[in-house]
Amino acid sequence: PIGLKVGNSMEPEELVELIGMLNPANERGRLTLIHRFGAEKIRERLPRLVEAVREAGHHVLWSCDPMHGNTQTARNGIKTRSFDEIMSEIITAFRIHKDLGSRLSGIHLELTGEDVTECTGGPGNLTEADLARDYRSQVDPRLNYEQAMEIAFLIAEQMK
């Protein structure tokens, strides 16, 4: 299996060409496209790519990474992510795929079962001021257990 990250700079023609190179036999399940646009850009970018892949007849799995496109720096200089933007990107991804006759097959999340304060918002309504309270990540901000559970319920709701 091969995973290909698809971001804001990817054009439909480029994606179709890459898919042809990475999966020339068009084998089902061989290639997963991991889109990561951010909540603000997914509506603009994803539909064109889904349509181009479908029109080319390529068999791919689609996965959404709502984490990386929604990373930002808080006013206090701490790297964070907004729970609301992560949720928004997930909901939008499900809707776009459904509307275009495609299927979202996976979601990439970065999370921990601990009560960290690395992403703002969510059930605890964490603010930028809360980030310093228990920020432990050495790399990227993660959802805490409450935020992760809320997103799990959202995903289950979208899959009905």
Protein backbone atom coordinates (compact mmCIF):
# COMPACT_ATOMS: atom_id res chain seq x y z
CA PRO A 1 0.00 0.00 0.00
CA ILE A 2 1.04 3.56 -0.75
CA GLY A 3 -0.11 6.77 0.95
CA LEU A 4 0.10 10.10 -0.88
CA LYS A 5 -0.35 13.40 0.95
CA VAL A 6 -2.52 15.79 -1.04
CA GLY A 7 -2.38 19.46 -0.05
CA ASN A 8 -3.31 22.91 -1.27
CA SER A 9 -0.68 23.06 -4.00
CA MET A 10 -1.90 19.86 -5.72
CA GLU A 11 -3.63 20.45 -9.05
CA PRO A 12 -6.09 17.89 -10.49
CA GLU A 13 -3.94 17.10 -13.54
CA GLU A 14 -0.86 16.58 -11.36
CA LEU A 15 -2.77 14.24 -9.03
CA VAL A 16 -4.13 12.13 -11.89
CA GLU A 17 -0.60 11.83 -13.32
CA LEU A 18 0.88 10.84 -9.93
CA ILE A 19 -1.81 8.21 -9.41
CA GLY A 20 -1.00 6.72 -12.81
CA MET A 21 2.68 6.48 -11.88
CA LEU A 22 2.14 5.12 -8.36
CA ASN A 23 -0.56 2.60 -9.29
CA PRO A 24 -0.20 1.86 -13.01
CA ALA A 25 -2.27 -1.35 -12.74
CA ASN A 26 -5.08 0.63 -11.04
CA GLU A 27 -5.14 -1.98 -8.27
CA ARG A 28 -7.93 -1.44 -5.73
CA GLY A 29 -6.66 -0.70 -2.22
CA ARG A 30 -3.11 0.03 -3.39
CA LEU A 31 -3.19 3.84 -3.10
CA THR A 32 -4.58 6.04 -0.34
CA LEU A 33 -4.87 9.77 -0.95
CA ILE A 34 -4.55 11.70 2.31
CA HIS A 35 -6.06 15.14 1.83
CA ARG A 36 -5.01 17.89 4.23
CA PHE A 37 -6.33 21.30 3.21
CA GLY A 38 -7.52 22.99 6.38
CA ALA A 39 -11.09 23.95 7.21
CA GLU A 40 -10.89 27.16 5.19
CA LYS A 41 -9.74 25.61 1.91
CA ILE A 42 -11.26 22.14 1.70
CA ARG A 43 -14.45 23.33 -0.08
CA GLU A 44 -12.35 25.05 -2.72
CA ARG A 45 -9.72 22.34 -3.28
CA LEU A 46 -11.16 18.86 -2.64
CA PRO A 47 -14.11 18.68 -5.09
CA ARG A 48 -11.91 19.32 -8.14
CA LEU A 49 -9.54 16.53 -7.10
CA VAL A 50 -12.28 14.00 -6.37
CA GLU A 51 -13.90 14.73 -9.72
CA ALA A 52 -10.60 14.47 -11.63
CA VAL A 53 -9.75 11.12 -10.02
CA ARG A 54 -13.23 9.77 -10.73
CA GLU A 55 -13.20 10.97 -14.35
CA ALA A 56 -9.80 9.32 -14.87
CA GLY A 57 -11.24 6.03 -13.60
CA HIS A 58 -8.61 5.60 -10.89
CA HIS A 59 -9.31 3.39 -7.88
CA VAL A 60 -8.11 5.08 -4.70
CA LEU A 61 -8.97 5.25 -1.04
CA TRP A 62 -9.55 8.73 0.36
CA SER A 63 -8.42 9.72 3.85
CA CYS A 64 -8.75 13.08 5.59
CA ASP A 65 -5.99 14.60 7.73
CA PRO A 66 -7.76 17.47 9.50
CA MET A 67 -4.78 18.10 11.77
CA HIS A 68 -1.98 19.48 9.62
CA GLY A 69 -3.99 21.96 7.57
CA ASN A 70 -5.35 23.50 10.76
CA THR A 71 -2.11 24.10 12.63
CA GLN A 72 -1.58 27.67 13.78
CA THR A 73 0.52 29.69 16.18
CA ALA A 74 -1.29 31.22 19.15
CA ARG A 75 -0.64 34.81 20.20
CA ASN A 76 1.65 33.50 22.94
CA GLY A 77 3.81 31.73 20.31
CA ILE A 78 2.62 28.19 21.09
CA LYS A 79 1.82 25.87 18.17
CA THR A 80 -1.81 24.76 18.40
CA ARG A 81 -4.86 23.58 16.50
CA SER A 82 -8.52 24.55 16.78
CA PHE A 83 -10.90 21.74 17.70
CA ASP A 84 -13.69 23.53 15.82
CA GLU A 85 -11.62 23.74 12.63
CA ILE A 86 -10.66 20.07 12.90
CA MET A 87 -14.34 19.13 13.29
CA SER A 88 -15.34 21.43 10.45
CA GLU A 89 -12.83 19.87 8.06
CA ILE A 90 -14.03 16.36 8.93
CA ILE A 91 -17.71 17.22 8.42
CA THR A 92 -16.96 19.03 5.16
CA ALA A 93 -14.88 16.10 3.89
CA PHE A 94 -17.72 13.64 4.56
CA ARG A 95 -20.22 15.92 2.78
CA ILE A 96 -18.03 16.54 -0.27
CA HIS A 97 -17.29 12.85 -0.75
CA LYS A 98 -20.96 11.94 -0.33
CA ASP A 99 -22.13 14.68 -2.71
CA LEU A 100 -19.66 13.56 -5.37
CA GLY A 101 -20.42 9.84 -5.07
CA SER A 102 -17.10 9.14 -3.40
CA ARG A 103 -16.37 7.67 0.01
CA LEU A 104 -14.15 8.94 2.79
CA SER A 105 -12.36 5.79 3.95
CA GLY A 106 -10.17 7.08 6.77
CA ILE A 107 -9.30 9.94 9.08
CA HIS A 108 -5.86 10.75 10.50
CA LEU A 109 -5.88 12.18 14.02
CA GLU A 110 -3.10 13.01 16.43
CA LEU A 111 -4.32 12.42 19.96
CA THR A 112 -3.49 11.22 23.43
CA GLY A 113 -5.53 9.67 26.21
CA GLU A 114 -4.11 12.24 28.59
CA ASP A 115 -5.60 15.53 29.77
CA VAL A 116 -3.21 17.74 27.79
CA THR A 117 -3.98 21.31 26.71
CA GLU A 118 -2.52 21.46 23.20
CA CYS A 119 -5.59 22.15 21.00
CA THR A 120 -8.05 24.93 21.71
CA GLY A 121 -11.82 24.45 21.96
CA GLY A 122 -13.69 21.21 22.41
CA PRO A 123 -15.74 19.95 25.35
CA GLY A 124 -13.49 21.71 27.88
CA ASN A 125 -13.66 24.92 25.83
CA LEU A 126 -9.88 25.39 26.07
CA THR A 127 -8.59 28.85 25.21
CA GLU A 128 -5.16 30.04 24.14
CA ALA A 129 -4.51 30.94 27.79
CA ASP A 130 -5.06 27.25 28.72
CA LEU A 131 -2.34 26.02 26.35
CA ALA A 132 0.48 26.70 28.83
CA ARG A 133 -1.29 24.73 31.60
CA ASP A 134 -0.40 21.24 30.33
CA TYR A 135 1.24 21.43 26.91
CA ARG A 136 3.51 18.38 26.56
CA SER A 137 3.96 17.71 22.85
CA GLN A 138 7.50 17.86 21.51
CA VAL A 139 6.30 18.11 17.91
CA ASP A 140 2.66 18.68 16.97
CA PRO A 141 -0.31 19.54 19.18
CA ARG A 142 -2.61 16.61 19.94
CA LEU A 143 -6.26 16.30 20.83
CA ASN A 144 -6.80 15.36 24.47
CA TYR A 145 -9.04 12.47 25.51
CA GLU A 146 -12.24 14.58 25.75
CA GLN A 147 -11.64 16.20 22.37
CA ALA A 148 -10.79 12.83 20.80
CA MET A 149 -13.97 11.23 22.14
CA GLU A 150 -16.10 14.09 20.84
CA ILE A 151 -14.57 13.67 17.38
CA ALA A 152 -15.11 9.90 17.53
CA PHE A 153 -18.82 10.50 18.16
CA LEU A 154 -18.92 13.01 15.30
CA ILE A 155 -17.33 10.49 12.93
CA ALA A 156 -19.81 7.80 14.00
CA GLU A 157 -22.68 10.22 13.33
CA GLN A 158 -21.33 11.06 9.87
CA MET A 159 -21.04 7.38 8.96
CA LYS A 160 -24.74 6.63 9.56
